[in-house]
Amino acid sequence: MKLNKVIEEYVVSDQINAQDISVLKQHGFKTIFCNRPDSEETNQPTAEELQKVADSLGLKFVHQPVIGNAISQKDVDDFTNYYENAEKPIFAYCRTGTRSTMLWALSESTKRKSSEIINLTSAAGYDLSHLIKSVSYTHLTLPTKA
C-alpha cells in the first residue's frame, strides 16, 4: 500500500487488504472511502470484509463504488456529501487510486482553480489533465463516456 497524499486530509491508494487497516489507524486516519465495486478482480477483498475490520478498529467506512469511465454528476455530488460529513483525515482507495482522486478533484472544482487541482493530484501521482475542459484551466469536467 502506497499512501499518495492529495492534501493533508485526503490520501489515496490502490487496493488495500485487511492487514492494511491497522496501519491506516496507526497513521491517524479516521475514515476510509472505498470507491471500488466488489468483484472487479479475482481475490479482491470485499468492501464488507474490510468494513468489518475498520469497524472493529473504530474507523468509519464509506463504500461508494464507481466505474472510472462512467462517473456521473450524482457520483460527484454523493462523494461531496460523504467528504464534507466525514471525520478527517480520510484514506480513499480503488484499484489504482485514480477514481478516488477523480472524485475528489471533481468535487473540488467549484472551490479551487483547476490548475491547483491538477497540480495537487499530479504531485500525488495521478495525471487528471484529461478533466480540463479548456487550456485556460477554467473548468474540470466529467470525462466523456466512450
N, C-alpha and C. Protein backbone atom coordinates (compact mmCIF):
# COMPACT_ATOMS: atom_id res chain seq x y z
N MET A 1 0.85 -1.18 0.00
CA MET A 1 0.00 0.00 0.00
C MET A 1 0.89 1.24 0.00
N LYS A 2 0.65 2.10 -0.96
CA LYS A 2 1.39 3.35 -1.04
C LYS A 2 0.43 4.49 -0.73
N LEU A 3 0.78 5.33 0.22
CA LEU A 3 -0.06 6.45 0.61
C LEU A 3 0.28 7.66 -0.26
N ASN A 4 -0.66 8.06 -1.11
CA ASN A 4 -0.47 9.18 -2.02
C ASN A 4 -1.27 10.37 -1.53
N LYS A 5 -0.59 11.34 -0.93
CA LYS A 5 -1.26 12.49 -0.32
C LYS A 5 -1.69 13.48 -1.40
N VAL A 6 -2.99 13.72 -1.49
CA VAL A 6 -3.52 14.77 -2.36
C VAL A 6 -3.48 16.08 -1.60
N ILE A 7 -4.07 16.07 -0.40
CA ILE A 7 -3.96 17.17 0.57
C ILE A 7 -3.84 16.52 1.94
N GLU A 8 -3.57 17.31 2.95
CA GLU A 8 -3.35 16.75 4.30
C GLU A 8 -4.49 15.86 4.76
N GLU A 9 -5.71 16.24 4.44
CA GLU A 9 -6.86 15.49 4.96
C GLU A 9 -7.40 14.45 3.99
N TYR A 10 -6.73 14.25 2.85
CA TYR A 10 -7.22 13.29 1.86
C TYR A 10 -6.04 12.59 1.19
N VAL A 11 -5.94 11.27 1.43
CA VAL A 11 -4.85 10.45 0.92
C VAL A 11 -5.48 9.27 0.17
N VAL A 12 -4.88 8.90 -0.96
CA VAL A 12 -5.43 7.82 -1.77
C VAL A 12 -4.41 6.70 -1.97
N SER A 13 -4.93 5.56 -2.40
CA SER A 13 -4.08 4.39 -2.62
C SER A 13 -4.78 3.43 -3.56
N ASP A 14 -4.01 2.43 -3.96
CA ASP A 14 -4.60 1.31 -4.69
C ASP A 14 -5.28 0.38 -3.68
N GLN A 15 -5.75 -0.77 -4.15
CA GLN A 15 -6.47 -1.73 -3.32
C GLN A 15 -5.71 -2.06 -2.04
N ILE A 16 -6.45 -2.11 -0.95
CA ILE A 16 -5.87 -2.49 0.34
C ILE A 16 -6.37 -3.87 0.75
N ASN A 17 -5.76 -4.42 1.79
CA ASN A 17 -6.25 -5.66 2.38
C ASN A 17 -6.54 -5.42 3.86
N ALA A 18 -7.06 -6.42 4.51
CA ALA A 18 -7.48 -6.26 5.91
C ALA A 18 -6.33 -5.85 6.82
N GLN A 19 -5.12 -6.36 6.57
CA GLN A 19 -3.97 -6.03 7.42
C GLN A 19 -3.58 -4.55 7.29
N ASP A 20 -3.86 -3.95 6.16
CA ASP A 20 -3.52 -2.54 5.95
C ASP A 20 -4.33 -1.61 6.85
N ILE A 21 -5.48 -2.04 7.27
CA ILE A 21 -6.37 -1.14 8.02
C ILE A 21 -5.77 -0.76 9.36
N SER A 22 -5.09 -1.67 10.03
CA SER A 22 -4.45 -1.31 11.31
C SER A 22 -3.33 -0.30 11.07
N VAL A 23 -2.64 -0.41 9.94
CA VAL A 23 -1.59 0.57 9.59
C VAL A 23 -2.23 1.94 9.35
N LEU A 24 -3.38 1.95 8.69
CA LEU A 24 -4.08 3.22 8.45
C LEU A 24 -4.48 3.87 9.78
N LYS A 25 -4.95 3.05 10.69
CA LYS A 25 -5.30 3.59 12.02
C LYS A 25 -4.07 4.18 12.70
N GLN A 26 -2.94 3.49 12.62
CA GLN A 26 -1.69 3.99 13.21
C GLN A 26 -1.27 5.32 12.60
N HIS A 27 -1.58 5.51 11.32
CA HIS A 27 -1.26 6.77 10.64
C HIS A 27 -2.25 7.88 10.99
N GLY A 28 -3.28 7.56 11.76
CA GLY A 28 -4.21 8.58 12.23
C GLY A 28 -5.45 8.81 11.38
N PHE A 29 -5.67 7.96 10.38
CA PHE A 29 -6.88 8.13 9.57
C PHE A 29 -8.12 7.85 10.40
N LYS A 30 -9.18 8.58 10.12
CA LYS A 30 -10.44 8.44 10.84
C LYS A 30 -11.52 7.78 9.99
N THR A 31 -11.42 7.94 8.66
CA THR A 31 -12.43 7.44 7.74
C THR A 31 -11.75 6.80 6.53
N ILE A 32 -12.34 5.70 6.06
CA ILE A 32 -11.88 5.03 4.84
C ILE A 32 -13.00 5.11 3.81
N PHE A 33 -12.66 5.57 2.62
CA PHE A 33 -13.58 5.56 1.48
C PHE A 33 -13.15 4.44 0.54
N CYS A 34 -14.09 3.59 0.18
CA CYS A 34 -13.86 2.57 -0.84
C CYS A 34 -14.64 2.98 -2.08
N ASN A 35 -13.95 3.28 -3.15
CA ASN A 35 -14.61 3.69 -4.40
C ASN A 35 -14.57 2.59 -5.44
N ARG A 36 -14.37 1.38 -5.01
CA ARG A 36 -14.24 0.24 -5.91
C ARG A 36 -15.42 -0.72 -5.77
N PRO A 37 -16.02 -1.09 -6.89
CA PRO A 37 -17.06 -2.13 -6.81
C PRO A 37 -16.46 -3.46 -6.41
N ASP A 38 -17.21 -4.26 -5.68
CA ASP A 38 -16.77 -5.61 -5.35
C ASP A 38 -16.65 -6.43 -6.64
N SER A 39 -15.79 -7.42 -6.61
CA SER A 39 -15.62 -8.41 -7.68
C SER A 39 -15.07 -7.83 -8.99
N GLU A 40 -14.35 -6.72 -8.93
CA GLU A 40 -13.69 -6.21 -10.14
C GLU A 40 -12.57 -7.14 -10.57
N GLU A 41 -11.91 -7.75 -9.59
CA GLU A 41 -10.83 -8.68 -9.86
C GLU A 41 -10.97 -9.91 -8.95
N THR A 42 -10.43 -11.00 -9.40
CA THR A 42 -10.42 -12.22 -8.60
C THR A 42 -9.61 -11.98 -7.33
N ASN A 43 -10.08 -12.51 -6.23
CA ASN A 43 -9.40 -12.45 -4.93
C ASN A 43 -9.36 -11.06 -4.31
N GLN A 44 -10.11 -10.13 -4.84
CA GLN A 44 -10.20 -8.78 -4.25
C GLN A 44 -11.03 -8.87 -2.98
N PRO A 45 -10.54 -8.33 -1.85
CA PRO A 45 -11.37 -8.36 -0.64
C PRO A 45 -12.63 -7.53 -0.85
N THR A 46 -13.75 -7.99 -0.30
CA THR A 46 -14.99 -7.24 -0.47
C THR A 46 -15.00 -6.03 0.47
N ALA A 47 -15.80 -5.07 0.11
CA ALA A 47 -15.94 -3.89 0.97
C ALA A 47 -16.49 -4.30 2.33
N GLU A 48 -17.39 -5.27 2.36
CA GLU A 48 -17.96 -5.71 3.63
C GLU A 48 -16.89 -6.31 4.55
N GLU A 49 -16.00 -7.11 3.99
CA GLU A 49 -14.89 -7.70 4.77
C GLU A 49 -14.02 -6.60 5.38
N LEU A 50 -13.68 -5.62 4.56
CA LEU A 50 -12.82 -4.54 5.03
C LEU A 50 -13.55 -3.62 6.01
N GLN A 51 -14.83 -3.42 5.78
CA GLN A 51 -15.61 -2.59 6.70
C GLN A 51 -15.67 -3.21 8.09
N LYS A 52 -15.79 -4.52 8.16
CA LYS A 52 -15.82 -5.20 9.47
C LYS A 52 -14.53 -4.93 10.25
N VAL A 53 -13.41 -5.00 9.56
CA VAL A 53 -12.12 -4.75 10.21
C VAL A 53 -12.05 -3.28 10.64
N ALA A 54 -12.44 -2.38 9.75
CA ALA A 54 -12.43 -0.95 10.08
C ALA A 54 -13.32 -0.67 11.28
N ASP A 55 -14.52 -1.23 11.28
CA ASP A 55 -15.44 -1.04 12.40
C ASP A 55 -14.83 -1.52 13.71
N SER A 56 -14.15 -2.67 13.66
CA SER A 56 -13.56 -3.23 14.88
C SER A 56 -12.45 -2.34 15.43
N LEU A 57 -11.86 -1.52 14.56
CA LEU A 57 -10.78 -0.62 14.99
C LEU A 57 -11.27 0.82 15.22
N GLY A 58 -12.58 1.02 15.11
CA GLY A 58 -13.14 2.34 15.37
C GLY A 58 -13.02 3.32 14.21
N LEU A 59 -12.78 2.80 13.01
CA LEU A 59 -12.70 3.66 11.83
C LEU A 59 -14.03 3.66 11.09
N LYS A 60 -14.41 4.80 10.58
CA LYS A 60 -15.61 4.89 9.73
C LYS A 60 -15.25 4.32 8.37
N PHE A 61 -16.24 3.75 7.68
CA PHE A 61 -16.02 3.16 6.37
C PHE A 61 -17.17 3.54 5.47
N VAL A 62 -16.86 4.13 4.32
CA VAL A 62 -17.87 4.53 3.34
C VAL A 62 -17.61 3.77 2.06
N HIS A 63 -18.62 3.02 1.60
CA HIS A 63 -18.48 2.30 0.33
C HIS A 63 -19.30 3.03 -0.73
N GLN A 64 -18.60 3.68 -1.63
CA GLN A 64 -19.22 4.37 -2.76
C GLN A 64 -18.57 3.85 -4.04
N PRO A 65 -19.03 2.70 -4.54
CA PRO A 65 -18.41 2.14 -5.73
C PRO A 65 -18.75 2.95 -6.98
N VAL A 66 -17.74 3.23 -7.80
CA VAL A 66 -17.95 3.92 -9.07
C VAL A 66 -17.13 3.23 -10.15
N ILE A 67 -17.56 3.41 -11.38
CA ILE A 67 -16.84 2.91 -12.54
C ILE A 67 -16.08 4.09 -13.13
N GLY A 68 -14.78 3.93 -13.33
CA GLY A 68 -13.92 5.03 -13.74
C GLY A 68 -14.37 5.81 -14.95
N ASN A 69 -14.78 5.12 -16.00
CA ASN A 69 -15.17 5.83 -17.21
C ASN A 69 -16.66 6.14 -17.24
N ALA A 70 -17.33 5.99 -16.11
CA ALA A 70 -18.77 6.25 -16.04
C ALA A 70 -19.14 7.06 -14.79
N ILE A 71 -18.22 7.86 -14.28
CA ILE A 71 -18.53 8.70 -13.12
C ILE A 71 -19.56 9.74 -13.53
N SER A 72 -20.62 9.84 -12.75
CA SER A 72 -21.71 10.77 -13.05
C SER A 72 -21.68 11.96 -12.10
N GLN A 73 -22.48 12.96 -12.42
CA GLN A 73 -22.60 14.10 -11.52
C GLN A 73 -23.17 13.66 -10.18
N LYS A 74 -24.07 12.68 -10.18
CA LYS A 74 -24.61 12.14 -8.93
C LYS A 74 -23.48 11.53 -8.09
N ASP A 75 -22.57 10.80 -8.75
CA ASP A 75 -21.42 10.24 -8.02
C ASP A 75 -20.61 11.35 -7.35
N VAL A 76 -20.37 12.43 -8.09
CA VAL A 76 -19.60 13.56 -7.55
C VAL A 76 -20.35 14.21 -6.40
N ASP A 77 -21.66 14.41 -6.57
CA ASP A 77 -22.47 15.01 -5.51
C ASP A 77 -22.50 14.13 -4.26
N ASP A 78 -22.65 12.82 -4.46
CA ASP A 78 -22.64 11.89 -3.32
C ASP A 78 -21.28 11.92 -2.62
N PHE A 79 -20.20 11.91 -3.39
CA PHE A 79 -18.86 11.99 -2.82
C PHE A 79 -18.71 13.27 -2.00
N THR A 80 -19.15 14.39 -2.57
CA THR A 80 -19.04 15.67 -1.87
C THR A 80 -19.74 15.61 -0.52
N ASN A 81 -20.91 15.01 -0.49
CA ASN A 81 -21.65 14.88 0.76
C ASN A 81 -20.89 13.99 1.75
N TYR A 82 -20.40 12.85 1.29
CA TYR A 82 -19.62 11.97 2.17
C TYR A 82 -18.38 12.69 2.69
N TYR A 83 -17.68 13.37 1.79
CA TYR A 83 -16.44 14.05 2.14
C TYR A 83 -16.68 15.15 3.17
N GLU A 84 -17.68 15.97 2.93
CA GLU A 84 -17.95 17.08 3.84
C GLU A 84 -18.38 16.62 5.22
N ASN A 85 -19.02 15.45 5.31
CA ASN A 85 -19.52 14.95 6.58
C ASN A 85 -18.60 13.94 7.26
N ALA A 86 -17.52 13.57 6.60
CA ALA A 86 -16.62 12.55 7.15
C ALA A 86 -15.66 13.15 8.15
N GLU A 87 -15.31 12.32 9.14
CA GLU A 87 -14.25 12.71 10.06
C GLU A 87 -12.92 12.57 9.32
N LYS A 88 -12.09 13.55 9.45
CA LYS A 88 -10.84 13.59 8.70
C LYS A 88 -9.65 13.32 9.62
N PRO A 89 -8.54 12.87 9.10
CA PRO A 89 -8.22 12.67 7.69
C PRO A 89 -8.89 11.42 7.11
N ILE A 90 -9.06 11.46 5.78
CA ILE A 90 -9.71 10.40 5.02
C ILE A 90 -8.66 9.66 4.20
N PHE A 91 -8.77 8.35 4.20
CA PHE A 91 -7.99 7.50 3.31
C PHE A 91 -8.98 6.91 2.31
N ALA A 92 -8.71 7.04 1.01
CA ALA A 92 -9.59 6.52 -0.03
C ALA A 92 -8.82 5.57 -0.93
N TYR A 93 -9.52 4.54 -1.41
CA TYR A 93 -8.86 3.60 -2.31
C TYR A 93 -9.82 3.10 -3.38
N CYS A 94 -9.24 2.61 -4.44
CA CYS A 94 -9.92 1.89 -5.51
C CYS A 94 -8.87 0.97 -6.11
N ARG A 95 -8.97 0.59 -7.37
CA ARG A 95 -7.98 -0.33 -7.93
C ARG A 95 -6.59 0.29 -7.98
N THR A 96 -6.51 1.54 -8.46
CA THR A 96 -5.21 2.21 -8.58
C THR A 96 -5.13 3.52 -7.78
N GLY A 97 -6.26 4.01 -7.33
CA GLY A 97 -6.33 5.31 -6.66
C GLY A 97 -6.87 6.41 -7.57
N THR A 98 -6.95 6.13 -8.86
CA THR A 98 -7.37 7.17 -9.81
C THR A 98 -8.82 7.60 -9.60
N ARG A 99 -9.74 6.65 -9.46
CA ARG A 99 -11.15 7.02 -9.25
C ARG A 99 -11.33 7.85 -7.99
N SER A 100 -10.65 7.44 -6.92
CA SER A 100 -10.76 8.19 -5.67
C SER A 100 -10.20 9.60 -5.84
N THR A 101 -9.16 9.73 -6.63
CA THR A 101 -8.57 11.05 -6.90
C THR A 101 -9.50 11.87 -7.78
N MET A 102 -10.08 11.24 -8.81
CA MET A 102 -11.01 11.95 -9.70
C MET A 102 -12.23 12.48 -8.94
N LEU A 103 -12.78 11.66 -8.07
CA LEU A 103 -13.95 12.10 -7.31
C LEU A 103 -13.61 13.33 -6.48
N TRP A 104 -12.47 13.29 -5.81
CA TRP A 104 -12.05 14.46 -5.02
C TRP A 104 -11.87 15.67 -5.92
N ALA A 105 -11.15 15.50 -7.03
CA ALA A 105 -10.87 16.62 -7.94
C ALA A 105 -12.15 17.24 -8.46
N LEU A 106 -13.07 16.42 -8.90
CA LEU A 106 -14.33 16.94 -9.44
C LEU A 106 -15.16 17.62 -8.35
N SER A 107 -15.10 17.08 -7.14
CA SER A 107 -15.86 17.71 -6.05
C SER A 107 -15.27 19.05 -5.64
N GLU A 108 -13.98 19.24 -5.88
CA GLU A 108 -13.31 20.50 -5.53
C GLU A 108 -13.37 21.54 -6.64
N SER A 109 -13.90 21.18 -7.79
CA SER A 109 -13.82 22.05 -8.97
C SER A 109 -14.56 23.38 -8.83
N THR A 110 -15.48 23.48 -7.87
CA THR A 110 -16.14 24.77 -7.64
C THR A 110 -15.46 25.57 -6.54
N LYS A 111 -14.49 24.96 -5.86
CA LYS A 111 -13.82 25.62 -4.73
C LYS A 111 -12.38 26.02 -5.02
N ARG A 112 -11.73 25.30 -5.94
CA ARG A 112 -10.32 25.53 -6.24
C ARG A 112 -10.16 25.76 -7.74
N LYS A 113 -9.09 26.44 -8.09
CA LYS A 113 -8.77 26.61 -9.50
C LYS A 113 -8.36 25.25 -10.07
N SER A 114 -8.71 25.03 -11.31
CA SER A 114 -8.36 23.76 -11.97
C SER A 114 -6.85 23.53 -11.96
N SER A 115 -6.08 24.58 -12.16
CA SER A 115 -4.63 24.43 -12.17
C SER A 115 -4.13 23.93 -10.81
N GLU A 116 -4.71 24.41 -9.73
CA GLU A 116 -4.32 23.94 -8.39
C GLU A 116 -4.68 22.47 -8.22
N ILE A 117 -5.88 22.08 -8.65
CA ILE A 117 -6.32 20.69 -8.53
C ILE A 117 -5.40 19.78 -9.33
N ILE A 118 -5.09 20.18 -10.55
CA ILE A 118 -4.22 19.37 -11.40
C ILE A 118 -2.82 19.26 -10.79
N ASN A 119 -2.32 20.34 -10.22
CA ASN A 119 -1.01 20.31 -9.58
C ASN A 119 -1.01 19.40 -8.35
N LEU A 120 -2.04 19.47 -7.52
CA LEU A 120 -2.13 18.64 -6.32
C LEU A 120 -2.22 17.15 -6.68
N THR A 121 -3.10 16.85 -7.64
CA THR A 121 -3.29 15.45 -7.99
C THR A 121 -2.06 14.90 -8.73
N SER A 122 -1.42 15.74 -9.52
CA SER A 122 -0.19 15.32 -10.21
C SER A 122 0.91 15.02 -9.20
N ALA A 123 1.05 15.87 -8.19
CA ALA A 123 2.07 15.66 -7.16
C ALA A 123 1.81 14.35 -6.39
N ALA A 124 0.54 13.94 -6.33
CA ALA A 124 0.18 12.68 -5.67
C ALA A 124 0.37 11.48 -6.59
N GLY A 125 0.70 11.75 -7.87
CA GLY A 125 0.96 10.66 -8.80
C GLY A 125 -0.16 10.35 -9.77
N TYR A 126 -1.12 11.25 -9.90
CA TYR A 126 -2.27 11.00 -10.76
C TYR A 126 -2.43 12.13 -11.78
N ASP A 127 -2.33 11.79 -13.04
CA ASP A 127 -2.49 12.77 -14.11
C ASP A 127 -3.96 12.87 -14.49
N LEU A 128 -4.59 13.95 -14.09
CA LEU A 128 -6.00 14.16 -14.39
C LEU A 128 -6.20 15.29 -15.40
N SER A 129 -5.18 15.55 -16.18
CA SER A 129 -5.27 16.66 -17.14
C SER A 129 -6.39 16.45 -18.15
N HIS A 130 -6.82 15.20 -18.35
CA HIS A 130 -7.92 14.93 -19.29
C HIS A 130 -9.26 15.50 -18.79
N LEU A 131 -9.32 15.91 -17.53
CA LEU A 131 -10.54 16.51 -16.99
C LEU A 131 -10.66 17.99 -17.28
N ILE A 132 -9.60 18.57 -17.81
CA ILE A 132 -9.62 20.01 -18.07
C ILE A 132 -10.44 20.28 -19.32
N LYS A 133 -11.40 21.17 -19.15
CA LYS A 133 -12.30 21.49 -20.25
C LYS A 133 -11.62 22.36 -21.30
N SER A 134 -10.75 23.24 -20.84
CA SER A 134 -10.07 24.12 -21.79
C SER A 134 -8.64 24.34 -21.34
N VAL A 135 -7.83 24.80 -22.25
CA VAL A 135 -6.41 25.05 -21.96
C VAL A 135 -6.25 26.13 -20.90
N SER A 136 -7.26 26.97 -20.75
CA SER A 136 -7.17 28.07 -19.79
C SER A 136 -7.35 27.61 -18.34
N TYR A 137 -7.53 26.29 -18.13
CA TYR A 137 -7.67 25.75 -16.78
C TYR A 137 -8.85 26.36 -16.03
N THR A 138 -9.92 26.63 -16.73
CA THR A 138 -11.06 27.25 -16.05
C THR A 138 -12.03 26.24 -15.45
N HIS A 139 -12.14 25.07 -16.02
CA HIS A 139 -13.12 24.10 -15.53
C HIS A 139 -12.56 22.69 -15.56
N LEU A 140 -12.96 21.90 -14.58
CA LEU A 140 -12.78 20.45 -14.66
C LEU A 140 -14.14 19.89 -15.02
N THR A 141 -14.17 18.88 -15.85
CA THR A 141 -15.44 18.30 -16.25
C THR A 141 -15.38 16.79 -16.15
N LEU A 142 -16.54 16.20 -16.06
CA LEU A 142 -16.61 14.74 -16.07
C LEU A 142 -16.08 14.23 -17.40
N PRO A 143 -15.36 13.12 -17.40
CA PRO A 143 -14.88 12.57 -18.66
C PRO A 143 -16.07 12.13 -19.53
N THR A 144 -15.92 12.27 -20.83
CA THR A 144 -16.99 11.82 -21.70
C THR A 144 -16.96 10.30 -21.77
N LYS A 145 -18.14 9.73 -21.85
CA LYS A 145 -18.24 8.28 -21.90
C LYS A 145 -17.95 7.78 -23.30
N ALA A 146 -17.20 6.70 -23.38
CA ALA A 146 -16.82 6.14 -24.69
C ALA A 146 -17.95 5.32 -25.27
